[in-house]
C-alpha atoms as a PDB file:
ATOM      1  CA  MET A   1       0.000   0.000   0.000  1.00  0.00           C
ATOM      2  CA  THR A   2       1.152   3.536  -0.765  1.00  0.00           C
ATOM      3  CA  THR A   3       2.346   5.403   2.314  1.00  0.00           C
ATOM      4  CA  LEU A   4       1.033   8.783   1.231  1.00  0.00           C
ATOM      5  CA  GLU A   5       2.468  10.861   4.036  1.00  0.00           C
ATOM      6  CA  THR A   6       6.042   9.880   3.150  1.00  0.00           C
ATOM      7  CA  ARG A   7       5.886  10.009  -0.635  1.00  0.00           C
ATOM      8  CA  GLN A   8       7.811  12.770  -2.361  1.00  0.00           C
ATOM      9  CA  ILE A   9       6.045  12.558  -5.715  1.00  0.00           C
ATOM     10  CA  ASN A  10       2.527  13.458  -4.544  1.00  0.00           C
ATOM     11  CA  PRO A  11       1.183  16.500  -2.666  1.00  0.00           C
ATOM     12  CA  GLU A  12       1.036  15.974   1.073  1.00  0.00           C
ATOM     13  CA  VAL A  13      -2.233  14.557   2.382  1.00  0.00           C
ATOM     14  CA  ASP A  14      -2.299  17.154   5.162  1.00  0.00           C
ATOM     15  CA  ALA A  15      -1.944  19.934   2.608  1.00  0.00           C
ATOM     16  CA  ILE A  16      -5.039  18.688   0.785  1.00  0.00           C
ATOM     17  CA  ARG A  17      -6.987  18.178   4.006  1.00  0.00           C
ATOM     18  CA  HIS A  18      -6.044  21.760   4.968  1.00  0.00           C
ATOM     19  CA  HIS A  19      -8.605  22.852   2.365  1.00  0.00           C
ATOM     20  CA  TYR A  20     -11.172  20.055   2.343  1.00  0.00           C
ATOM     21  CA  GLU A  21     -11.528  19.340   6.049  1.00  0.00           C
ATOM     22  CA  VAL A  22     -12.445  22.851   7.160  1.00  0.00           C
ATOM     23  CA  SER A  23     -16.076  22.105   8.078  1.00  0.00           C
ATOM     24  CA  ASN A  24     -18.942  20.405   6.273  1.00  0.00           C
ATOM     25  CA  ASP A  25     -21.329  23.054   7.621  1.00  0.00           C
ATOM     26  CA  PHE A  26     -19.075  25.810   6.261  1.00  0.00           C
ATOM     27  CA  TYR A  27     -19.031  24.183   2.845  1.00  0.00           C
ATOM     28  CA  ARG A  28     -22.828  23.862   2.903  1.00  0.00           C
ATOM     29  CA  LEU A  29     -23.037  27.590   3.638  1.00  0.00           C
ATOM     30  CA  ILE A  30     -20.933  28.315   0.546  1.00  0.00           C
ATOM     31  CA  LEU A  31     -22.052  25.573  -1.834  1.00  0.00           C
ATOM     32  CA  GLY A  32     -25.697  25.271  -0.857  1.00  0.00           C
ATOM     33  CA  PRO A  33     -27.714  22.047  -0.604  1.00  0.00           C
ATOM     34  CA  ALA A  34     -26.192  20.524  -3.755  1.00  0.00           C
ATOM     35  CA  MET A  35     -22.746  20.389  -2.092  1.00  0.00           C
ATOM     36  CA  MET A  36     -21.134  20.290  -5.544  1.00  0.00           C
ATOM     37  CA  TYR A  37     -17.704  21.940  -5.710  1.00  0.00           C
ATOM     38  CA  SER A  38     -17.242  22.581  -9.429  1.00  0.00           C
ATOM     39  CA  GLY A  39     -18.780  24.494 -12.317  1.00  0.00           C
ATOM     40  CA  GLY A  40     -22.484  24.388 -13.140  1.00  0.00           C
ATOM     41  CA  TYR A  41     -24.529  24.669 -16.326  1.00  0.00           C
ATOM     42  CA  TRP A  42     -26.649  27.826 -16.162  1.00  0.00           C
ATOM     43  CA  TYR A  43     -29.144  28.785 -18.832  1.00  0.00           C
ATOM     44  CA  GLU A  44     -28.860  32.289 -20.250  1.00  0.00           C
ATOM     45  CA  GLY A  45     -30.450  34.858 -17.963  1.00  0.00           C
ATOM     46  CA  GLU A  46     -30.681  32.634 -14.885  1.00  0.00           C
ATOM     47  CA  ASP A  47     -29.719  34.080 -11.527  1.00  0.00           C
ATOM     48  CA  LEU A  48     -26.412  32.638 -10.361  1.00  0.00           C
ATOM     49  CA  ARG A  49     -27.556  31.877  -6.842  1.00  0.00           C
ATOM     50  CA  GLU A  50     -31.219  31.047  -7.364  1.00  0.00           C
ATOM     51  CA  ALA A  51     -30.401  28.566 -10.133  1.00  0.00           C
ATOM     52  CA  HIS A  52     -27.142  27.293  -8.622  1.00  0.00           C
ATOM     53  CA  ASP A  53     -28.308  23.860  -7.482  1.00  0.00           C
ATOM     54  CA  GLU A  54     -30.258  23.230 -10.680  1.00  0.00           C
ATOM     55  CA  ALA A  55     -27.187  24.266 -12.723  1.00  0.00           C
ATOM     56  CA  GLN A  56     -25.044  21.810 -10.782  1.00  0.00           C
ATOM     57  CA  TYR A  57     -27.466  18.928 -11.299  1.00  0.00           C
ATOM     58  CA  ARG A  58     -27.684  19.731 -15.017  1.00  0.00           C
ATOM     59  CA  LYS A  59     -23.902  19.412 -15.176  1.00  0.00           C
ATOM     60  CA  LEU A  60     -23.963  16.088 -13.356  1.00  0.00           C
ATOM     61  CA  ASP A  61     -26.718  14.752 -15.625  1.00  0.00           C
ATOM     62  CA  ALA A  62     -24.678  15.763 -18.687  1.00  0.00           C
ATOM     63  CA  PHE A  63     -21.558  14.074 -17.305  1.00  0.00           C
ATOM     64  CA  ILE A  64     -23.370  10.854 -16.449  1.00  0.00           C
ATOM     65  CA  GLU A  65     -24.904  10.728 -19.918  1.00  0.00           C
ATOM     66  CA  ALA A  66     -21.554  11.547 -21.567  1.00  0.00           C
ATOM     67  CA  ALA A  67     -20.003   8.651 -19.648  1.00  0.00           C
ATOM     68  CA  GLY A  68     -22.637   6.262 -20.969  1.00  0.00           C
ATOM     69  CA  ALA A  69     -23.381   5.488 -17.329  1.00  0.00           C
ATOM     70  CA  VAL A  70     -27.193   5.614 -17.319  1.00  0.00           C
ATOM     71  CA  GLY A  71     -28.321   2.280 -15.864  1.00  0.00           C
ATOM     72  CA  ALA A  72     -24.726   1.165 -15.332  1.00  0.00           C
ATOM     73  CA  LYS A  73     -23.865  -1.600 -12.912  1.00  0.00           C
ATOM     74  CA  LYS A  74     -20.956   0.189 -11.243  1.00  0.00           C
ATOM     75  CA  VAL A  75     -19.268   3.623 -11.517  1.00  0.00           C
ATOM     76  CA  LEU A  76     -16.315   5.333  -9.831  1.00  0.00           C
ATOM     77  CA  ASP A  77     -15.803   8.973  -8.831  1.00  0.00           C
ATOM     78  CA  ILE A  78     -12.158   9.870  -8.141  1.00  0.00           C
ATOM     79  CA  GLY A  79     -12.023  12.807  -5.752  1.00  0.00           C
ATOM     80  CA  SER A  80     -15.697  12.334  -4.957  1.00  0.00           C
ATOM     81  CA  GLY A  81     -16.261  15.316  -2.655  1.00  0.00           C
ATOM     82  CA  TRP A  82     -19.536  15.176  -0.776  1.00  0.00           C
ATOM     83  CA  GLY A  83     -20.894  12.423  -3.007  1.00  0.00           C
ATOM     84  CA  THR A  84     -23.282  14.501  -5.121  1.00  0.00           C
ATOM     85  CA  MET A  85     -22.236  12.889  -8.402  1.00  0.00           C
ATOM     86  CA  LEU A  86     -22.615   9.416  -6.934  1.00  0.00           C
ATOM     87  CA  THR A  87     -25.994  10.138  -5.354  1.00  0.00           C
ATOM     88  CA  GLN A  88     -27.303  11.613  -8.602  1.00  0.00           C
ATOM     89  CA  ALA A  89     -26.061   8.581 -10.525  1.00  0.00           C
ATOM     90  CA  VAL A  90     -27.886   6.050  -8.364  1.00  0.00           C
ATOM     91  CA  ASP A  91     -31.010   8.056  -7.497  1.00  0.00           C
ATOM     92  CA  LYS A  92     -31.796   9.541 -10.917  1.00  0.00           C
ATOM     93  CA  HIS A  93     -29.890   7.509 -13.502  1.00  0.00           C
ATOM     94  CA  GLY A  94     -30.357   3.957 -12.265  1.00  0.00           C
ATOM     95  CA  VAL A  95     -26.725   3.152 -11.460  1.00  0.00           C
ATOM     96  CA  GLN A  96     -26.646   0.069  -9.238  1.00  0.00           C
ATOM     97  CA  LYS A  97     -23.443   0.847  -7.300  1.00  0.00           C
ATOM     98  CA  ALA A  98     -21.435   4.076  -7.054  1.00  0.00           C
ATOM     99  CA  VAL A  99     -18.002   4.181  -5.398  1.00  0.00           C
ATOM    100  CA  GLY A 100     -16.025   7.293  -4.514  1.00  0.00           C
ATOM    101  CA  VAL A 101     -12.458   7.819  -3.336  1.00  0.00           C
ATOM    102  CA  THR A 102     -11.383  10.871  -1.358  1.00  0.00           C
ATOM    103  CA  LEU A 103      -8.636  11.819   1.071  1.00  0.00           C
ATOM    104  CA  SER A 104     -11.070  13.836   3.187  1.00  0.00           C
ATOM    105  CA  ARG A 105     -12.369  12.026   6.243  1.00  0.00           C
ATOM    106  CA  SER A 106     -15.032  14.683   6.825  1.00  0.00           C
ATOM    107  CA  GLN A 107     -16.382  14.211   3.289  1.00  0.00           C
ATOM    108  CA  LYS A 108     -16.769  10.477   3.921  1.00  0.00           C
ATOM    109  CA  GLU A 109     -18.566  11.221   7.203  1.00  0.00           C
ATOM    110  CA  TYR A 110     -20.960  13.502   5.342  1.00  0.00           C
ATOM    111  CA  VAL A 111     -21.759  10.967   2.609  1.00  0.00           C
ATOM    112  CA  ASP A 112     -22.114   8.118   5.080  1.00  0.00           C
ATOM    113  CA  SER A 113     -24.599  10.215   7.067  1.00  0.00           C
ATOM    114  CA  LEU A 114     -26.891  10.329   4.004  1.00  0.00           C
ATOM    115  CA  GLY A 115     -27.492   6.593   4.403  1.00  0.00           C
ATOM    116  CA  ASN A 116     -27.580   5.674   0.710  1.00  0.00           C
ATOM    117  CA  ASP A 117     -26.637   1.987   0.587  1.00  0.00           C
ATOM    118  CA  LYS A 118     -25.831   2.202  -3.137  1.00  0.00           C
ATOM    119  CA  VAL A 119     -23.064   4.743  -2.496  1.00  0.00           C
ATOM    120  CA  GLU A 120     -19.729   3.790  -0.933  1.00  0.00           C
ATOM    121  CA  ILE A 121     -16.906   6.190  -0.050  1.00  0.00           C
ATOM    122  CA  LYS A 122     -13.343   5.075   0.588  1.00  0.00           C
ATOM    123  CA  VAL A 123     -10.711   7.309   2.203  1.00  0.00           C
ATOM    124  CA  GLU A 124      -7.751   6.440   0.049  1.00  0.00           C
ATOM    125  CA  SER A 125      -5.619   7.638  -2.830  1.00  0.00           C
ATOM    126  CA  TRP A 126      -6.603   6.920  -6.426  1.00  0.00           C
ATOM    127  CA  GLU A 127      -3.274   5.092  -6.598  1.00  0.00           C
ATOM    128  CA  ASP A 128      -4.303   2.590  -3.941  1.00  0.00           C
ATOM    129  CA  HIS A 129      -7.825   1.890  -5.156  1.00  0.00           C
ATOM    130  CA  ARG A 130      -8.595  -1.639  -6.331  1.00  0.00           C
ATOM    131  CA  THR A 131     -11.754  -3.285  -7.607  1.00  0.00           C
ATOM    132  CA  ASP A 132     -12.783  -6.913  -8.084  1.00  0.00           C
ATOM    133  CA  GLU A 133     -14.891  -6.011 -11.095  1.00  0.00           C
ATOM    134  CA  PRO A 134     -14.066  -3.232 -13.593  1.00  0.00           C
ATOM    135  CA  TYR A 135     -16.163  -0.083 -13.539  1.00  0.00           C
ATOM    136  CA  ASP A 136     -18.499   0.741 -16.403  1.00  0.00           C
ATOM    137  CA  ALA A 137     -17.427   4.387 -16.210  1.00  0.00           C
ATOM    138  CA  ALA A 138     -15.444   6.788 -14.058  1.00  0.00           C
ATOM    139  CA  PHE A 139     -15.436  10.507 -13.259  1.00  0.00           C
ATOM    140  CA  CYS A 140     -12.843  12.937 -11.960  1.00  0.00           C
ATOM    141  CA  VAL A 141     -14.348  16.393 -11.480  1.00  0.00           C
ATOM    142  CA  ASN A 142     -11.842  19.165 -10.707  1.00  0.00           C
ATOM    143  CA  ALA A 143      -9.744  16.823  -8.581  1.00  0.00           C
ATOM    144  CA  LEU A 144      -6.857  15.859 -10.859  1.00  0.00           C
ATOM    145  CA  GLU A 145      -5.268  19.254 -10.127  1.00  0.00           C
ATOM    146  CA  HIS A 146      -4.535  17.897  -6.641  1.00  0.00           C
ATOM    147  CA  PHE A 147      -2.784  14.707  -7.689  1.00  0.00           C
ATOM    148  CA  VAL A 148       0.604  15.871  -8.988  1.00  0.00           C
ATOM    149  CA  LEU A 149       3.268  17.752  -7.066  1.00  0.00           C
ATOM    150  CA  SER A 150       4.247  21.117  -8.551  1.00  0.00           C
ATOM    151  CA  SER A 151       7.916  20.760  -7.555  1.00  0.00           C
ATOM    152  CA  LEU A 152       8.465  17.802  -9.906  1.00  0.00           C
ATOM    153  CA  THR A 153      10.307  18.271 -13.184  1.00  0.00           C
ATOM    154  CA  PRO A 154       8.163  18.513 -16.349  1.00  0.00           C
ATOM    155  CA  LYS A 155       9.041  14.927 -17.270  1.00  0.00           C
ATOM    156  CA  GLU A 156       8.203  13.680 -13.775  1.00  0.00           C
ATOM    157  CA  ARG A 157       4.879  15.507 -13.823  1.00  0.00           C
ATOM    158  CA  VAL A 158       3.895  13.896 -17.113  1.00  0.00           C
ATOM    159  CA  ASN A 159       4.898  10.525 -15.653  1.00  0.00           C
ATOM    160  CA  ARG A 160       2.652  11.109 -12.640  1.00  0.00           C
ATOM    161  CA  PHE A 161      -0.290  12.086 -14.833  1.00  0.00           C
ATOM    162  CA  ARG A 162       0.460   9.003 -16.934  1.00  0.00           C
ATOM    163  CA  ALA A 163       0.349   6.884 -13.770  1.00  0.00           C
ATOM    164  CA  PHE A 164      -3.102   8.301 -13.044  1.00  0.00           C
ATOM    165  CA  PHE A 165      -4.439   7.468 -16.494  1.00  0.00           C
ATOM    166  CA  ASN A 166      -2.826   4.018 -16.401  1.00  0.00           C
ATOM    167  CA  GLN A 167      -4.611   3.391 -13.123  1.00  0.00           C
ATOM    168  CA  CYS A 168      -7.917   4.565 -14.599  1.00  0.00           C
ATOM    169  CA  HIS A 169      -7.338   2.278 -17.576  1.00  0.00           C
ATOM    170  CA  SER A 170      -6.912  -0.667 -15.203  1.00  0.00           C
ATOM    171  CA  LEU A 171     -10.110   0.179 -13.303  1.00  0.00           C
ATOM    172  CA  ILE A 172     -12.481   0.795 -16.225  1.00  0.00           C
ATOM    173  CA  LYS A 173     -13.793  -1.962 -18.470  1.00  0.00           C
ATOM    174  CA  PRO A 174     -12.737  -1.993 -22.160  1.00  0.00           C
ATOM    175  CA  GLY A 175     -14.894   0.492 -24.031  1.00  0.00           C
ATOM    176  CA  GLY A 176     -15.821   2.317 -20.834  1.00  0.00           C
ATOM    177  CA  ARG A 177     -15.489   6.064 -20.489  1.00  0.00           C
ATOM    178  CA  LEU A 178     -13.691   8.472 -18.177  1.00  0.00           C
ATOM    179  CA  VAL A 179     -15.180  11.967 -17.833  1.00  0.00           C
ATOM    180  CA  LEU A 180     -13.033  14.790 -16.467  1.00  0.00           C
ATOM    181  CA  HIS A 181     -13.520  18.396 -15.515  1.00  0.00           C
ATOM    182  CA  MET A 182      -9.974  19.672 -15.499  1.00  0.00           C
ATOM    183  CA  MET A 183      -8.278  23.037 -15.160  1.00  0.00           C
ATOM    184  CA  THR A 184      -5.235  23.769 -17.318  1.00  0.00           C
ATOM    185  CA  ILE A 185      -3.023  26.795 -17.880  1.00  0.00           C
ATOM    186  CA  GLU A 186      -1.195  27.834 -21.028  1.00  0.00           C
ATOM    187  CA  SER A 187       0.986  30.963 -21.325  1.00  0.00           C
ATOM    188  CA  PRO A 188      -0.833  33.833 -19.604  1.00  0.00           C
ATOM    189  CA  ARG A 189       0.220  37.465 -19.662  1.00  0.00           C
ATOM    190  CA  ILE A 190       2.186  37.803 -16.440  1.00  0.00           C
ATOM    191  CA  THR A 191       1.408  40.623 -14.022  1.00  0.00           C
ATOM    192  CA  ARG A 192       2.564  41.221 -10.462  1.00  0.00           C
ATOM    193  CA  GLN A 193      -0.949  40.518  -9.165  1.00  0.00           C
ATOM    194  CA  LEU A 194      -1.146  37.248 -11.079  1.00  0.00           C
ATOM    195  CA  ILE A 195       2.245  36.122  -9.760  1.00  0.00           C
ATOM    196  CA  ASP A 196       1.221  36.925  -6.179  1.00  0.00           C
ATOM    197  CA  ASP A 197      -2.138  35.198  -6.578  1.00  0.00           C
ATOM    198  CA  LEU A 198      -0.684  32.054  -8.147  1.00  0.00           C
ATOM    199  CA  LYS A 199       1.869  31.880  -5.331  1.00  0.00           C
ATOM    200  CA  PHE A 200      -0.960  32.121  -2.803  1.00  0.00           C
ATOM    201  CA  LEU A 201      -2.843  29.268  -4.480  1.00  0.00           C
ATOM    202  CA  GLN A 202       0.189  27.016  -4.761  1.00  0.00           C
ATOM    203  CA  ARG A 203       1.931  27.776  -1.472  1.00  0.00           C
ATOM    204  CA  GLU A 204      -0.884  28.508   0.951  1.00  0.00           C
ATOM    205  CA  GLU A 205      -4.314  27.264  -0.106  1.00  0.00           C
ATOM    206  CA  PHE A 206      -3.458  24.248  -2.282  1.00  0.00           C
ATOM    207  CA  GLU A 207       0.124  23.632  -1.261  1.00  0.00           C
ATOM    208  CA  GLY A 208       2.172  21.723  -3.811  1.00  0.00           C
ATOM    209  CA  CYS A 209      -0.702  21.102  -6.224  1.00  0.00           C
ATOM    210  CA  TYR A 210      -0.217  21.615  -9.937  1.00  0.00           C
ATOM    211  CA  ILE A 211      -2.430  22.887 -12.753  1.00  0.00           C
ATOM    212  CA  PRO A 212      -1.000  21.367 -15.943  1.00  0.00           C
ATOM    213  CA  HIS A 213      -0.593  22.512 -19.510  1.00  0.00           C
ATOM    214  CA  THR A 214      -3.101  20.890 -21.847  1.00  0.00           C
ATOM    215  CA  ASN A 215      -0.386  19.120 -23.834  1.00  0.00           C
ATOM    216  CA  GLU A 216       0.858  17.419 -20.649  1.00  0.00           C
ATOM    217  CA  LEU A 217      -2.550  15.788 -20.222  1.00  0.00           C
ATOM    218  CA  VAL A 218      -2.696  14.612 -23.827  1.00  0.00           C
ATOM    219  CA  GLN A 219       0.774  13.065 -23.544  1.00  0.00           C
ATOM    220  CA  SER A 220      -0.317  11.322 -20.365  1.00  0.00           C
ATOM    221  CA  PHE A 221      -3.300   9.368 -21.677  1.00  0.00           C
ATOM    222  CA  GLU A 222      -2.018   8.745 -25.199  1.00  0.00           C
ATOM    223  CA  GLY A 223      -2.382   5.086 -26.128  1.00  0.00           C
ATOM    224  CA  LYS A 224      -4.684   4.325 -23.189  1.00  0.00           C
ATOM    225  CA  PHE A 225      -7.657   6.542 -23.981  1.00  0.00           C
ATOM    226  CA  GLU A 226      -9.161   8.172 -27.048  1.00  0.00           C
ATOM    227  CA  ILE A 227     -10.664  11.675 -26.886  1.00  0.00           C
ATOM    228  CA  ILE A 228     -14.402  11.630 -27.557  1.00  0.00           C
ATOM    229  CA  GLU A 229     -15.092  15.219 -26.508  1.00  0.00           C
ATOM    230  CA  LEU A 230     -13.019  18.243 -25.481  1.00  0.00           C
ATOM    231  CA  ARG A 231     -14.829  21.428 -24.455  1.00  0.00           C
ATOM    232  CA  ASN A 232     -13.470  24.495 -22.699  1.00  0.00           C
ATOM    233  CA  GLU A 233     -16.047  25.479 -20.074  1.00  0.00           C
ATOM    234  CA  ARG A 234     -14.333  28.295 -18.211  1.00  0.00           C
ATOM    235  CA  GLU A 235     -17.562  30.158 -17.574  1.00  0.00           C
ATOM    236  CA  THR A 236     -19.190  27.231 -15.767  1.00  0.00           C
ATOM    237  CA  PHE A 237     -16.565  27.398 -13.027  1.00  0.00           C
ATOM    238  CA  SER A 238     -16.170  31.192 -12.888  1.00  0.00           C
ATOM    239  CA  ARG A 239     -19.934  31.585 -12.442  1.00  0.00           C
ATOM    240  CA  ALA A 240     -19.924  29.017  -9.642  1.00  0.00           C
ATOM    241  CA  CYS A 241     -17.115  30.882  -7.867  1.00  0.00           C
ATOM    242  CA  ARG A 242     -19.076  34.135  -8.136  1.00  0.00           C
ATOM    243  CA  ALA A 243     -22.170  32.461  -6.708  1.00  0.00           C
ATOM    244  CA  TRP A 244     -20.172  31.008  -3.810  1.00  0.00           C
ATOM    245  CA  LEU A 245     -18.607  34.403  -3.071  1.00  0.00           C
ATOM    246  CA  GLU A 246     -22.087  35.935  -2.886  1.00  0.00           C
ATOM    247  CA  ASN A 247     -23.260  33.167  -0.563  1.00  0.00           C
ATOM    248  CA  LEU A 248     -20.262  33.756   1.678  1.00  0.00           C
ATOM    249  CA  ALA A 249     -20.691  37.539   1.675  1.00  0.00           C
ATOM    250  CA  GLU A 250     -24.352  37.282   2.671  1.00  0.00           C
ATOM    251  CA  ARG A 251     -23.641  34.985   5.623  1.00  0.00           C
ATOM    252  CA  ARG A 252     -20.122  36.135   6.462  1.00  0.00           C
ATOM    253  CA  PRO A 253     -20.645  36.656  10.236  1.00  0.00           C
ATOM    254  CA  GLU A 254     -22.083  33.147  10.483  1.00  0.00           C
ATOM    255  CA  ALA A 255     -19.145  31.753   8.504  1.00  0.00           C
ATOM    256  CA  VAL A 256     -16.637  33.503  10.766  1.00  0.00           C
ATOM    257  CA  GLY A 257     -18.406  32.002  13.757  1.00  0.00           C
ATOM    258  CA  MET A 258     -17.978  28.549  12.252  1.00  0.00           C
ATOM    259  CA  VAL A 259     -14.358  28.589  11.123  1.00  0.00           C
ATOM    260  CA  GLY A 260     -12.785  31.949  12.098  1.00  0.00           C
ATOM    261  CA  GLU A 261     -11.785  35.087  10.220  1.00  0.00           C
ATOM    262  CA  GLU A 262      -8.554  33.676   8.794  1.00  0.00           C
ATOM    263  CA  VAL A 263     -10.271  30.771   7.023  1.00  0.00           C
ATOM    264  CA  VAL A 264     -13.019  33.023   5.652  1.00  0.00           C
ATOM    265  CA  GLN A 265     -10.422  35.434   4.249  1.00  0.00           C
ATOM    266  CA  ARG A 266      -8.557  32.528   2.625  1.00  0.00           C
ATOM    267  CA  PHE A 267     -11.709  31.353   0.869  1.00  0.00           C
ATOM    268  CA  GLU A 268     -12.678  34.844  -0.220  1.00  0.00           C
ATOM    269  CA  ARG A 269      -9.275  35.346  -1.794  1.00  0.00           C
ATOM    270  CA  TYR A 270      -8.972  31.988  -3.524  1.00  0.00           C
ATOM    271  CA  LEU A 271     -12.527  32.073  -4.931  1.00  0.00           C
ATOM    272  CA  ASP A 272     -11.935  35.568  -6.307  1.00  0.00           C
ATOM    273  CA  ILE A 273      -8.634  34.427  -7.857  1.00  0.00           C
ATOM    274  CA  PHE A 274     -10.268  31.489  -9.602  1.00  0.00           C
ATOM    275  CA  ALA A 275     -13.173  33.645 -10.794  1.00  0.00           C
ATOM    276  CA  TYR A 276     -11.073  36.370 -12.386  1.00  0.00           C
ATOM    277  CA  THR A 277      -8.377  34.060 -13.815  1.00  0.00           C
ATOM    278  CA  LEU A 278     -11.042  31.987 -15.562  1.00  0.00           C
ATOM    279  CA  GLU A 279     -12.785  35.129 -16.804  1.00  0.00           C
ATOM    280  CA  ASP A 280      -9.465  36.543 -18.055  1.00  0.00           C
ATOM    281  CA  LYS A 281      -8.627  33.217 -19.771  1.00  0.00           C
ATOM    282  CA  VAL A 282      -5.570  32.558 -17.631  1.00  0.00           C
ATOM    283  CA  PHE A 283      -7.010  29.151 -16.739  1.00  0.00           C
ATOM    284  CA  ASN A 284      -9.041  26.775 -18.854  1.00  0.00           C
ATOM    285  CA  ASN A 285     -11.652  24.421 -17.451  1.00  0.00           C
ATOM    286  CA  PHE A 286     -12.026  21.519 -19.838  1.00  0.00           C
ATOM    287  CA  ARG A 287     -14.762  18.934 -20.006  1.00  0.00           C
ATOM    288  CA  ILE A 288     -12.959  15.902 -21.402  1.00  0.00           C
ATOM    289  CA  VAL A 289     -14.661  12.630 -22.333  1.00  0.00           C
ATOM    290  CA  LEU A 290     -12.251   9.742 -22.883  1.00  0.00           C
ATOM    291  CA  HIS A 291     -12.907   6.260 -24.265  1.00  0.00           C
ATOM    292  CA  ARG A 292     -10.834   3.434 -22.787  1.00  0.00           C
ATOM    293  CA  ASN A 293      -8.888   1.544 -25.412  1.00  0.00           C
ATOM    294  CA  ALA A 294      -8.639  -2.223 -25.183  1.00  0.00           C
END
C-alpha cells in the first residue's frame, strides 16, 4: 500500500486536508444544498444563486450521460467530494453501485450520514484503489489538479499524470469512459498581481498542487484513452465561484463564527482568484470525455 504521508512525488495529504476538512457546515453555507464543488450549467439569464443547485445537477446529468453510465452496474468517482455525483447517478440515472475515493475524512462522514446503501466512499488515494470487477465508467471532477506535485520536473509531472491514467485504464472496463472536468493553464500574460495570486494558491491554499498545460494531459493518456469530446467550459466554473462568493458575503458573520476570520479570508481570496483568472482566460476548465482503449 502507498504510504502517502512519506511520498515525495505526490502533494502531502495534510496539505489537501487543509482545504477540504475545514467544516462540512461551512461548505454547505458556501455551496448550498447541492454540495457540488465545481462548475455548473446555467441557462442564459438565470440568476447565479437562485439557479445554482439546478445548474449543478444539469452538469452532473450531462456528465453521467456523456459517460454512458445511465443504468450502469458500477461507476467510480475519483475525488468524490460530498458524493453529489454518486448520489445523482444512483437516485436519478439507475446506477446500481457508485463508489467514490477521497482523502477527506469529513467528506466520507458527510456521505455516510446520508445513508444511501448504493453509495460507498473510501478514504484512500486513487493510486491505492482496487476493484474486483471493472467499472463501467469513471469521473474525476476538478480533482486531478490535486494529484501531482508542482515541484516535480516537467518529465516527472507527465509521468505522474500518466500513472493516473494508467490506473484509470486498469479500473475501467474496455470500451468504458472516463469523464473529467480539469483546469489547465497555457501561457498567460504575467502581471505582479497574477504572480502573487498564483503563489498564494500554490503555497498557501493548495500547497504543492499543480495545474498542468493541456499538452501534458494529452501526452499522459495517449495510447490508453481516445478523446471523444473536449470542451473548454471556463464560464461554468467562474460563475460558480461568483455564486459562492455571494453566498459567503451574505452569511459572512455566520461563517466567521464557524471557522474563524482567517479561514473566511482565505476562501474569499482563492474564490476571487479562480473567478477572475477563468474570466481573463488565464485558466481553462475543460470537459474531457475519454474512451478506454482495449
